[in-house]
Each structure stands twice: as structure tokens, then as C-alpha cells.
C-alpha atoms as a PDB file:
ATOM      1  CA  MET A   1     -20.436 -28.725 -32.450  1.00  0.00           C
ATOM      2  CA  LEU A   2     -16.800 -29.559 -33.348  1.00  0.00           C
ATOM      3  CA  VAL A   3     -14.350 -29.394 -30.768  1.00  0.00           C
ATOM      4  CA  MET A   4     -10.573 -29.449 -30.804  1.00  0.00           C
ATOM      5  CA  MET A   5      -8.573 -31.202 -27.815  1.00  0.00           C
ATOM      6  CA  VAL A   6      -4.983 -30.126 -27.706  1.00  0.00           C
ATOM      7  CA  CYS A   7      -3.450 -32.388 -24.829  1.00  0.00           C
ATOM      8  CA  MET A   8       0.244 -31.868 -24.333  1.00  0.00           C
ATOM      9  CA  ASP A   9       2.353 -34.387 -22.364  1.00  0.00           C
ATOM     10  CA  LYS A  10       4.428 -33.829 -19.295  1.00  0.00           C
ATOM     11  CA  ALA A  11       8.027 -33.574 -20.238  1.00  0.00           C
ATOM     12  CA  ASP A  12       9.213 -36.992 -19.206  1.00  0.00           C
ATOM     13  CA  GLY A  13       6.005 -38.581 -20.625  1.00  0.00           C
ATOM     14  CA  LEU A  14       7.398 -40.581 -23.396  1.00  0.00           C
ATOM     15  CA  ASP A  15       7.647 -43.889 -21.303  1.00  0.00           C
ATOM     16  CA  LEU A  16       4.198 -43.567 -20.178  1.00  0.00           C
ATOM     17  CA  ARG A  17       2.792 -42.597 -23.555  1.00  0.00           C
ATOM     18  CA  LEU A  18       4.358 -45.569 -25.085  1.00  0.00           C
ATOM     19  CA  LYS A  19       3.298 -47.933 -22.320  1.00  0.00           C
ATOM     20  CA  THR A  20      -0.416 -46.504 -22.295  1.00  0.00           C
ATOM     21  CA  ARG A  21      -0.926 -46.389 -26.207  1.00  0.00           C
ATOM     22  CA  PRO A  22      -2.458 -49.715 -26.798  1.00  0.00           C
ATOM     23  CA  GLN A  23      -5.342 -48.751 -24.403  1.00  0.00           C
ATOM     24  CA  HIS A  24      -5.561 -45.278 -25.948  1.00  0.00           C
ATOM     25  CA  LEU A  25      -5.750 -46.624 -29.343  1.00  0.00           C
ATOM     26  CA  GLU A  26      -8.652 -49.077 -28.399  1.00  0.00           C
ATOM     27  CA  TRP A  27     -10.378 -46.147 -26.461  1.00  0.00           C
ATOM     28  CA  ILE A  28     -10.251 -43.510 -29.265  1.00  0.00           C
ATOM     29  CA  GLN A  29     -11.310 -46.462 -32.343  1.00  0.00           C
ATOM     30  CA  GLY A  30     -14.386 -47.147 -30.145  1.00  0.00           C
ATOM     31  CA  ALA A  31     -15.155 -43.638 -29.545  1.00  0.00           C
ATOM     32  CA  PRO A  32     -18.910 -42.961 -29.370  1.00  0.00           C
ATOM     33  CA  VAL A  33     -18.380 -39.757 -31.423  1.00  0.00           C
ATOM     34  CA  LYS A  34     -18.000 -38.471 -34.947  1.00  0.00           C
ATOM     35  CA  LEU A  35     -13.963 -38.053 -35.173  1.00  0.00           C
ATOM     36  CA  MET A  36     -12.654 -35.503 -37.781  1.00  0.00           C
ATOM     37  CA  TYR A  37      -8.891 -36.143 -36.853  1.00  0.00           C
ATOM     38  CA  ALA A  38      -7.172 -37.819 -33.880  1.00  0.00           C
ATOM     39  CA  GLY A  39      -3.383 -38.131 -33.978  1.00  0.00           C
ATOM     40  CA  PRO A  40      -0.056 -37.059 -32.015  1.00  0.00           C
ATOM     41  CA  ILE A  41       1.232 -33.747 -31.823  1.00  0.00           C
ATOM     42  CA  LEU A  42       5.069 -34.298 -32.644  1.00  0.00           C
ATOM     43  CA  ALA A  43       8.155 -32.406 -31.584  1.00  0.00           C
ATOM     44  CA  ASP A  44      10.179 -30.666 -34.086  1.00  0.00           C
ATOM     45  CA  ASP A  45      11.838 -33.613 -35.388  1.00  0.00           C
ATOM     46  CA  GLY A  46       8.780 -34.779 -36.491  1.00  0.00           C
ATOM     47  CA  GLU A  47       8.981 -37.892 -34.655  1.00  0.00           C
ATOM     48  CA  LYS A  48       8.644 -37.675 -30.980  1.00  0.00           C
ATOM     49  CA  PRO A  49       5.074 -37.731 -29.732  1.00  0.00           C
ATOM     50  CA  ILE A  50       4.460 -34.858 -27.507  1.00  0.00           C
ATOM     51  CA  GLY A  51       1.150 -34.517 -27.172  1.00  0.00           C
ATOM     52  CA  SER A  52      -2.466 -35.497 -28.627  1.00  0.00           C
ATOM     53  CA  LEU A  53      -4.632 -33.547 -31.005  1.00  0.00           C
ATOM     54  CA  ILE A  54      -8.632 -34.531 -31.360  1.00  0.00           C
ATOM     55  CA  MET A  55     -11.135 -32.878 -33.185  1.00  0.00           C
ATOM     56  CA  ALA A  56     -14.472 -34.342 -33.204  1.00  0.00           C
ATOM     57  CA  GLU A  57     -18.263 -33.501 -33.004  1.00  0.00           C
ATOM     58  CA  PHE A  58     -19.774 -33.353 -29.522  1.00  0.00           C
ATOM     59  CA  ASP A  59     -23.113 -31.904 -28.505  1.00  0.00           C
ATOM     60  CA  SER A  60     -21.469 -29.743 -26.053  1.00  0.00           C
ATOM     61  CA  VAL A  61     -18.068 -28.433 -24.761  1.00  0.00           C
ATOM     62  CA  ALA A  62     -19.096 -29.937 -21.635  1.00  0.00           C
ATOM     63  CA  ALA A  63     -19.768 -33.429 -23.173  1.00  0.00           C
ATOM     64  CA  ALA A  64     -16.140 -32.977 -24.921  1.00  0.00           C
ATOM     65  CA  ARG A  65     -14.495 -32.422 -21.565  1.00  0.00           C
ATOM     66  CA  ASP A  66     -16.279 -35.658 -19.954  1.00  0.00           C
ATOM     67  CA  PHE A  67     -15.196 -37.917 -22.876  1.00  0.00           C
ATOM     68  CA  GLN A  68     -11.541 -36.325 -22.625  1.00  0.00           C
ATOM     69  CA  LYS A  69     -11.420 -37.587 -18.982  1.00  0.00           C
ATOM     70  CA  THR A  70     -11.925 -41.021 -19.950  1.00  0.00           C
ATOM     71  CA  ASP A  71      -8.984 -41.220 -22.036  1.00  0.00           C
ATOM     72  CA  PRO A  72      -6.311 -43.765 -21.078  1.00  0.00           C
ATOM     73  CA  TYR A  73      -3.559 -41.262 -21.105  1.00  0.00           C
ATOM     74  CA  ASN A  74      -5.278 -38.869 -19.156  1.00  0.00           C
ATOM     75  CA  LYS A  75      -6.272 -41.544 -16.561  1.00  0.00           C
ATOM     76  CA  ALA A  76      -2.601 -42.476 -16.365  1.00  0.00           C
ATOM     77  CA  GLY A  77      -1.445 -38.910 -15.727  1.00  0.00           C
ATOM     78  CA  LEU A  78       0.402 -38.442 -19.065  1.00  0.00           C
ATOM     79  CA  PHE A  79      -0.941 -34.791 -19.824  1.00  0.00           C
ATOM     80  CA  ASP A  80       0.884 -31.392 -18.444  1.00  0.00           C
ATOM     81  CA  ASN A  81      -2.097 -29.221 -20.130  1.00  0.00           C
ATOM     82  CA  VAL A  82      -5.526 -30.006 -21.633  1.00  0.00           C
ATOM     83  CA  THR A  83      -7.184 -27.294 -24.111  1.00  0.00           C
ATOM     84  CA  ILE A  84     -10.556 -28.092 -25.175  1.00  0.00           C
ATOM     85  CA  GLN A  85     -12.542 -25.237 -27.177  1.00  0.00           C
ATOM     86  CA  PRO A  86     -15.045 -25.447 -30.084  1.00  0.00           C
ATOM     87  CA  THR A  87     -13.773 -24.444 -33.380  1.00  0.00           C
ATOM     88  CA  ARG A  88     -15.205 -24.196 -36.720  1.00  0.00           C
ATOM     89  CA  LYS A  89     -14.193 -25.531 -40.347  1.00  0.00           C
ATOM     90  CA  VAL A  90     -13.352 -22.676 -42.821  1.00  0.00           C
ATOM     91  CA  LEU A  91     -11.088 -24.207 -45.174  1.00  0.00           C
ATOM     92  CA  PRO A  92     -10.780 -26.131 -47.297  1.00  0.00           C
ATOM     93  CA  ALA A  93     -14.495 -25.460 -48.325  1.00  0.00           C
ATOM     94  CA  ALA A  94     -16.513 -28.591 -48.467  1.00  0.00           C
END
């Protein structure tokens, strides 16, 4: 199933994000899942990262939640709020 993960940083999280980014990138690039999309959520200025968005195929929502717990950003305490929900691609049609 396709699952989205919306992970919003703590208000003062930029330094922690930048410090942890190399480990996070290594983790996501080696992910044992089919990634559909992975990237930062940006502030209104289009520059400052304030969160992460990941969309990937998982066997279950529980598997996605277990996977997200291994994110170095999560382990470092970067996130203020994490939403993990199944989704379905409608458009554009494949």
C-alpha cells in the first residue's frame, strides 16, 4: 500500500536537521522500500526546511510506522509532529 509520512520539525529544529542530514540521507537512500517521493517540506520562503515528506510502498501502515521510527531525524528528536496514513494516487493517471 502507498503510505505518506508528513513529519514536521520542532520550531527550533533547523540546526538539528542540518547536523543530522547526512545520516538521514544515507538512511533514505538505503531504504528497503519502494520510494515514490522523499524530500523536505519548505517554509513559505521556499528555502527553509521545516519538515519531511515521504511517500513509499509498504506492506502495512504498521510497517511504515516501524520504518519511520528508524529515521535518524526521528531518533535525534527533530520532529514535533508525525502523521502516517495510507493514500492512493489518482492523478496524473499512469
